[in-house]
PDB file of N, CA and C in Angstrom:
ATOM      1  N   MET A   1      15.152  35.786  -0.858  1.00  0.00           N
ATOM      2  CA  MET A   1      15.138  34.484  -0.491  1.00  0.00           C
ATOM      3  C   MET A   1      15.316  34.255   1.406  1.00  0.00           C
ATOM      4  N   PRO A   2      13.464  33.684   1.897  1.00  0.00           N
ATOM      5  CA  PRO A   2      14.334  33.640   2.979  1.00  0.00           C
ATOM      6  C   PRO A   2      15.099  33.099   3.937  1.00  0.00           C
ATOM      7  N   ASP A   3      15.323  33.220   4.799  1.00  0.00           N
ATOM      8  CA  ASP A   3      16.242  32.861   6.066  1.00  0.00           C
ATOM      9  C   ASP A   3      15.191  31.090   6.378  1.00  0.00           C
ATOM     10  N   PRO A   4      16.384  30.383   5.584  1.00  0.00           N
ATOM     11  CA  PRO A   4      15.416  28.557   5.943  1.00  0.00           C
ATOM     12  C   PRO A   4      15.096  28.285   7.951  1.00  0.00           C
ATOM     13  N   THR A   5      16.493  29.014   8.189  1.00  0.00           N
ATOM     14  CA  THR A   5      15.573  28.512   9.675  1.00  0.00           C
ATOM     15  C   THR A   5      15.298  28.889  10.584  1.00  0.00           C
ATOM     16  N   ARG A   6      14.948  30.328   9.758  1.00  0.00           N
ATOM     17  CA  ARG A   6      13.456  31.076  10.199  1.00  0.00           C
ATOM     18  C   ARG A   6      12.569  30.979  10.173  1.00  0.00           C
ATOM     19  N   LEU A   7      12.240  30.211   8.700  1.00  0.00           N
ATOM     20  CA  LEU A   7      11.029  30.037   8.991  1.00  0.00           C
ATOM     21  C   LEU A   7      10.679  29.107   9.070  1.00  0.00           C
ATOM     22  N   ARG A   8      11.160  27.504   9.241  1.00  0.00           N
ATOM     23  CA  ARG A   8      11.346  26.717  10.072  1.00  0.00           C
ATOM     24  C   ARG A   8      10.753  27.063  11.379  1.00  0.00           C
ATOM     25  N   ASP A   9      11.635  27.379  11.786  1.00  0.00           N
ATOM     26  CA  ASP A   9      10.943  28.207  13.886  1.00  0.00           C
ATOM     27  C   ASP A   9       9.583  28.774  13.844  1.00  0.00           C
ATOM     28  N   SER A  10       9.092  29.190  12.396  1.00  0.00           N
ATOM     29  CA  SER A  10       8.115  29.767  12.166  1.00  0.00           C
ATOM     30  C   SER A  10       6.847  28.951  11.906  1.00  0.00           C
ATOM     31  N   THR A  11       7.180  28.220  11.223  1.00  0.00           N
ATOM     32  CA  THR A  11       5.962  26.516  11.103  1.00  0.00           C
ATOM     33  C   THR A  11       6.215  24.858  11.670  1.00  0.00           C
ATOM     34  N   GLN A  12       6.601  25.530  12.565  1.00  0.00           N
ATOM     35  CA  GLN A  12       7.441  23.930  13.560  1.00  0.00           C
ATOM     36  C   GLN A  12       7.151  24.306  15.203  1.00  0.00           C
ATOM     37  N   ILE A  13       6.581  23.689  15.897  1.00  0.00           N
ATOM     38  CA  ILE A  13       7.409  23.632  17.983  1.00  0.00           C
ATOM     39  C   ILE A  13       7.731  22.133  18.074  1.00  0.00           C
ATOM     40  N   GLU A  14       8.672  22.416  18.360  1.00  0.00           N
ATOM     41  CA  GLU A  14       9.738  20.927  18.843  1.00  0.00           C
ATOM     42  C   GLU A  14       9.631  20.807  20.691  1.00  0.00           C
ATOM     43  N   LEU A  15       8.895  20.104  21.093  1.00  0.00           N
ATOM     44  CA  LEU A  15       8.643  19.445  22.659  1.00  0.00           C
ATOM     45  C   LEU A  15       8.602  18.348  23.126  1.00  0.00           C
ATOM     46  N   PRO A  16       8.892  18.141  24.232  1.00  0.00           N
ATOM     47  CA  PRO A  16       8.784  16.800  24.582  1.00  0.00           C
ATOM     48  C   PRO A  16       7.057  16.162  24.026  1.00  0.00           C
ATOM     49  N   CYS A  17       7.248  15.589  23.710  1.00  0.00           N
ATOM     50  CA  CYS A  17       6.261  14.261  23.510  1.00  0.00           C
ATOM     51  C   CYS A  17       5.177  14.512  24.524  1.00  0.00           C
ATOM     52  N   GLN A  18       5.539  13.997  25.939  1.00  0.00           N
ATOM     53  CA  GLN A  18       5.260  14.123  26.953  1.00  0.00           C
ATOM     54  C   GLN A  18       4.253  15.756  27.632  1.00  0.00           C
ATOM     55  N   SER A  19       4.897  16.186  27.074  1.00  0.00           N
ATOM     56  CA  SER A  19       4.120  17.754  27.189  1.00  0.00           C
ATOM     57  C   SER A  19       2.752  17.684  27.207  1.00  0.00           C
ATOM     58  N   LEU A  20       2.251  16.907  25.672  1.00  0.00           N
ATOM     59  CA  LEU A  20       1.482  16.852  25.117  1.00  0.00           C
ATOM     60  C   LEU A  20      -0.118  16.094  25.153  1.00  0.00           C
ATOM     61  N   ASP A  21       1.111  15.509  26.692  1.00  0.00           N
ATOM     62  CA  ASP A  21      -0.451  14.191  27.284  1.00  0.00           C
ATOM     63  C   ASP A  21      -1.340  14.369  27.666  1.00  0.00           C
ATOM     64  N   GLY A  22      -2.363  14.351  27.296  1.00  0.00           N
ATOM     65  CA  GLY A  22      -3.687  14.864  27.925  1.00  0.00           C
ATOM     66  C   GLY A  22      -4.856  16.017  27.220  1.00  0.00           C
ATOM     67  N   ILE A  23      -3.761  17.081  26.135  1.00  0.00           N
ATOM     68  CA  ILE A  23      -4.129  17.690  25.769  1.00  0.00           C
ATOM     69  C   ILE A  23      -4.192  18.109  24.003  1.00  0.00           C
ATOM     70  N   ARG A  24      -3.470  16.662  23.207  1.00  0.00           N
ATOM     71  CA  ARG A  24      -2.675  16.755  22.170  1.00  0.00           C
ATOM     72  C   ARG A  24      -4.145  16.727  21.326  1.00  0.00           C
ATOM     73  N   ASP A  25      -5.570  15.330  21.197  1.00  0.00           N
ATOM     74  CA  ASP A  25      -6.472  15.539  21.330  1.00  0.00           C
ATOM     75  C   ASP A  25      -6.847  17.360  20.607  1.00  0.00           C
ATOM     76  N   ASP A  26      -7.228  17.836  21.145  1.00  0.00           N
ATOM     77  CA  ASP A  26      -7.508  19.264  21.657  1.00  0.00           C
ATOM     78  C   ASP A  26      -7.009  20.438  21.362  1.00  0.00           C
ATOM     79  N   LEU A  27      -5.518  19.548  20.717  1.00  0.00           N
ATOM     80  CA  LEU A  27      -4.760  21.398  20.430  1.00  0.00           C
ATOM     81  C   LEU A  27      -5.156  20.596  19.046  1.00  0.00           C
ATOM     82  N   GLU A  28      -5.372  19.533  18.080  1.00  0.00           N
ATOM     83  CA  GLU A  28      -5.426  18.924  16.428  1.00  0.00           C
ATOM     84  C   GLU A  28      -7.208  19.346  16.133  1.00  0.00           C
ATOM     85  N   ALA A  29      -7.916  19.634  17.549  1.00  0.00           N
ATOM     86  CA  ALA A  29      -8.639  20.141  16.996  1.00  0.00           C
ATOM     87  C   ALA A  29      -9.359  21.154  16.903  1.00  0.00           C
ATOM     88  N   GLU A  30      -8.788  22.124  17.318  1.00  0.00           N
ATOM     89  CA  GLU A  30      -8.515  23.113  17.843  1.00  0.00           C
ATOM     90  C   GLU A  30      -8.122  23.633  17.145  1.00  0.00           C
ATOM     91  N   HIS A  31      -6.628  23.929  15.669  1.00  0.00           N
ATOM     92  CA  HIS A  31      -6.027  24.371  15.576  1.00  0.00           C
ATOM     93  C   HIS A  31      -5.249  23.110  13.773  1.00  0.00           C
ATOM     94  N   THR A  32      -5.710  23.771  12.775  1.00  0.00           N
ATOM     95  CA  THR A  32      -4.490  22.767  11.516  1.00  0.00           C
ATOM     96  C   THR A  32      -3.459  23.169  12.259  1.00  0.00           C
ATOM     97  N   VAL A  33      -3.008  21.196  12.497  1.00  0.00           N
ATOM     98  CA  VAL A  33      -1.425  21.583  12.554  1.00  0.00           C
ATOM     99  C   VAL A  33      -1.498  19.548  12.464  1.00  0.00           C
ATOM    100  N   THR A  34       0.061  19.836  12.443  1.00  0.00           N
ATOM    101  CA  THR A  34      -0.071  18.303  12.169  1.00  0.00           C
ATOM    102  C   THR A  34       1.338  18.123  13.123  1.00  0.00           C
ATOM    103  N   VAL A  35       0.993  16.427  14.132  1.00  0.00           N
ATOM    104  CA  VAL A  35       1.085  15.767  15.820  1.00  0.00           C
ATOM    105  C   VAL A  35       2.843  15.697  14.331  1.00  0.00           C
ATOM    106  N   VAL A  36       3.704  15.118  14.545  1.00  0.00           N
ATOM    107  CA  VAL A  36       4.689  14.660  14.515  1.00  0.00           C
ATOM    108  C   VAL A  36       5.922  13.996  15.245  1.00  0.00           C
ATOM    109  N   GLN A  37       6.129  12.445  15.873  1.00  0.00           N
ATOM    110  CA  GLN A  37       6.331  11.648  16.808  1.00  0.00           C
ATOM    111  C   GLN A  37       7.217  10.949  16.193  1.00  0.00           C
ATOM    112  N   PRO A  38       8.689  11.222  15.363  1.00  0.00           N
ATOM    113  CA  PRO A  38       9.866  10.396  15.288  1.00  0.00           C
ATOM    114  C   PRO A  38      10.251   9.461  16.291  1.00  0.00           C
ATOM    115  N   ASP A  39       9.693   9.659  16.722  1.00  0.00           N
ATOM    116  CA  ASP A  39      10.534   9.251  18.849  1.00  0.00           C
ATOM    117  C   ASP A  39       9.490   9.206  19.361  1.00  0.00           C
ATOM    118  N   ASP A  40      10.365   8.472  20.821  1.00  0.00           N
ATOM    119  CA  ASP A  40       9.320   8.876  21.560  1.00  0.00           C
ATOM    120  C   ASP A  40       9.560  10.077  22.738  1.00  0.00           C
ATOM    121  N   GLN A  41      10.570  10.733  22.418  1.00  0.00           N
ATOM    122  CA  GLN A  41      10.834  11.341  22.904  1.00  0.00           C
ATOM    123  C   GLN A  41      10.415  12.504  22.462  1.00  0.00           C
ATOM    124  N   GLN A  42      10.881  13.618  21.081  1.00  0.00           N
ATOM    125  CA  GLN A  42      10.708  14.036  21.072  1.00  0.00           C
ATOM    126  C   GLN A  42       9.523  15.000  19.943  1.00  0.00           C
ATOM    127  N   CYS A  43       8.340  15.518  19.618  1.00  0.00           N
ATOM    128  CA  CYS A  43       7.683  15.710  18.763  1.00  0.00           C
ATOM    129  C   CYS A  43       7.860  17.027  18.300  1.00  0.00           C
ATOM    130  N   ARG A  44       6.870  16.827  17.523  1.00  0.00           N
ATOM    131  CA  ARG A  44       6.774  17.941  16.700  1.00  0.00           C
ATOM    132  C   ARG A  44       5.679  18.272  15.756  1.00  0.00           C
ATOM    133  N   ILE A  45       5.656  19.839  16.411  1.00  0.00           N
ATOM    134  CA  ILE A  45       3.399  20.009  16.142  1.00  0.00           C
ATOM    135  C   ILE A  45       4.281  21.270  14.343  1.00  0.00           C
ATOM    136  N   ILE A  46       4.162  20.407  13.080  1.00  0.00           N
ATOM    137  CA  ILE A  46       4.215  21.215  12.070  1.00  0.00           C
ATOM    138  C   ILE A  46       2.666  22.504  11.706  1.00  0.00           C
ATOM    139  N   GLY A  47       2.240  23.797  11.032  1.00  0.00           N
ATOM    140  CA  GLY A  47       1.325  24.142  11.132  1.00  0.00           C
ATOM    141  C   GLY A  47       1.864  25.983  10.202  1.00  0.00           C
ATOM    142  N   SER A  48       1.011  25.805   9.721  1.00  0.00           N
ATOM    143  CA  SER A  48       1.095  27.770   9.156  1.00  0.00           C
ATOM    144  C   SER A  48       1.463  28.066  10.288  1.00  0.00           C
ATOM    145  N   PRO A  49       2.357  30.208   9.548  1.00  0.00           N
ATOM    146  CA  PRO A  49       3.312  30.660  11.423  1.00  0.00           C
ATOM    147  C   PRO A  49       1.648  30.978  11.515  1.00  0.00           C
ATOM    148  N   ILE A  50       0.563  31.354  10.894  1.00  0.00           N
ATOM    149  CA  ILE A  50      -0.558  31.813  11.666  1.00  0.00           C
ATOM    150  C   ILE A  50      -0.694  30.736  12.987  1.00  0.00           C
ATOM    151  N   GLU A  51      -0.645  29.818  12.280  1.00  0.00           N
ATOM    152  CA  GLU A  51      -1.286  28.402  13.812  1.00  0.00           C
ATOM    153  C   GLU A  51      -0.053  27.787  14.397  1.00  0.00           C
ATOM    154  N   ILE A  52       0.738  28.277  13.966  1.00  0.00           N
ATOM    155  CA  ILE A  52       2.039  27.811  14.889  1.00  0.00           C
ATOM    156  C   ILE A  52       1.719  28.834  16.206  1.00  0.00           C
ATOM    157  N   LYS A  53       2.006  29.925  15.859  1.00  0.00           N
ATOM    158  CA  LYS A  53       1.540  30.903  16.965  1.00  0.00           C
ATOM    159  C   LYS A  53      -0.038  30.872  17.941  1.00  0.00           C
ATOM    160  N   ALA A  54      -0.780  30.380  17.159  1.00  0.00           N
ATOM    161  CA  ALA A  54      -2.032  30.148  17.537  1.00  0.00           C
ATOM    162  C   ALA A  54      -1.445  28.740  18.608  1.00  0.00           C
ATOM    163  N   ALA A  55      -0.872  27.893  18.096  1.00  0.00           N
ATOM    164  CA  ALA A  55      -0.846  26.377  18.454  1.00  0.00           C
ATOM    165  C   ALA A  55      -0.040  26.762  20.343  1.00  0.00           C
ATOM    166  N   SER A  56       0.952  27.666  19.839  1.00  0.00           N
ATOM    167  CA  SER A  56       1.544  28.377  21.083  1.00  0.00           C
ATOM    168  C   SER A  56       1.413  28.597  21.927  1.00  0.00           C
ATOM    169  N   ASP A  57      -0.142  29.512  21.610  1.00  0.00           N
ATOM    170  CA  ASP A  57      -0.319  30.244  22.848  1.00  0.00           C
ATOM    171  C   ASP A  57      -1.375  29.391  23.522  1.00  0.00           C
ATOM    172  N   PHE A  58      -2.111  28.268  22.613  1.00  0.00           N
ATOM    173  CA  PHE A  58      -2.633  27.548  23.570  1.00  0.00           C
ATOM    174  C   PHE A  58      -1.821  26.571  24.554  1.00  0.00           C
ATOM    175  N   LEU A  59      -0.835  25.856  24.044  1.00  0.00           N
ATOM    176  CA  LEU A  59      -0.194  25.373  24.732  1.00  0.00           C
ATOM    177  C   LEU A  59       0.788  26.185  26.273  1.00  0.00           C
ATOM    178  N   SER A  60       1.026  27.713  26.028  1.00  0.00           N
ATOM    179  CA  SER A  60       1.458  28.179  27.008  1.00  0.00           C
ATOM    180  C   SER A  60      -0.067  28.168  27.988  1.00  0.00           C
ATOM    181  N   ARG A  61      -1.350  28.569  27.521  1.00  0.00           N
ATOM    182  CA  ARG A  61      -2.416  28.742  28.272  1.00  0.00           C
ATOM    183  C   ARG A  61      -2.685  27.454  29.582  1.00  0.00           C
ATOM    184  N   HIS A  62      -1.861  26.193  28.852  1.00  0.00           N
ATOM    185  CA  HIS A  62      -2.537  24.770  28.851  1.00  0.00           C
ATOM    186  C   HIS A  62      -0.499  24.629  30.271  1.00  0.00           C
ATOM    187  N   GLY A  63       0.132  25.591  30.432  1.00  0.00           N
ATOM    188  CA  GLY A  63       1.147  25.597  31.764  1.00  0.00           C
ATOM    189  C   GLY A  63       2.216  24.977  30.639  1.00  0.00           C
ATOM    190  N   ILE A  64       2.643  24.906  29.197  1.00  0.00           N
ATOM    191  CA  ILE A  64       3.705  24.458  28.572  1.00  0.00           C
ATOM    192  C   ILE A  64       4.190  25.297  28.044  1.00  0.00           C
ATOM    193  N   ALA A  65       6.135  25.318  28.803  1.00  0.00           N
ATOM    194  CA  ALA A  65       6.751  26.556  28.367  1.00  0.00           C
ATOM    195  C   ALA A  65       7.288  26.097  27.346  1.00  0.00           C
ATOM    196  N   LEU A  66       7.124  26.795  26.256  1.00  0.00           N
ATOM    197  CA  LEU A  66       8.179  26.574  24.524  1.00  0.00           C
ATOM    198  C   LEU A  66       9.894  27.214  25.648  1.00  0.00           C
ATOM    199  N   PRO A  67      10.812  26.524  24.114  1.00  0.00           N
ATOM    200  CA  PRO A  67      12.266  27.124  24.633  1.00  0.00           C
ATOM    201  C   PRO A  67      12.270  28.700  23.155  1.00  0.00           C
TER     202      PRO A  67
END
């Protein structure tokens, strides 16, 4: 059985919402991901492991460092 923590790490990215200012629409247009904003501080990008990898690369190209 897969480890839930590892599975979660491969299917979501959590970062400050302000990091997505100006690029959120492009991120959602280019990748099959959902951006969830449960509060004003943190956003969660959710998608398949392949899409999360691609979204991570997209964010890196836009100068957003991921934890």
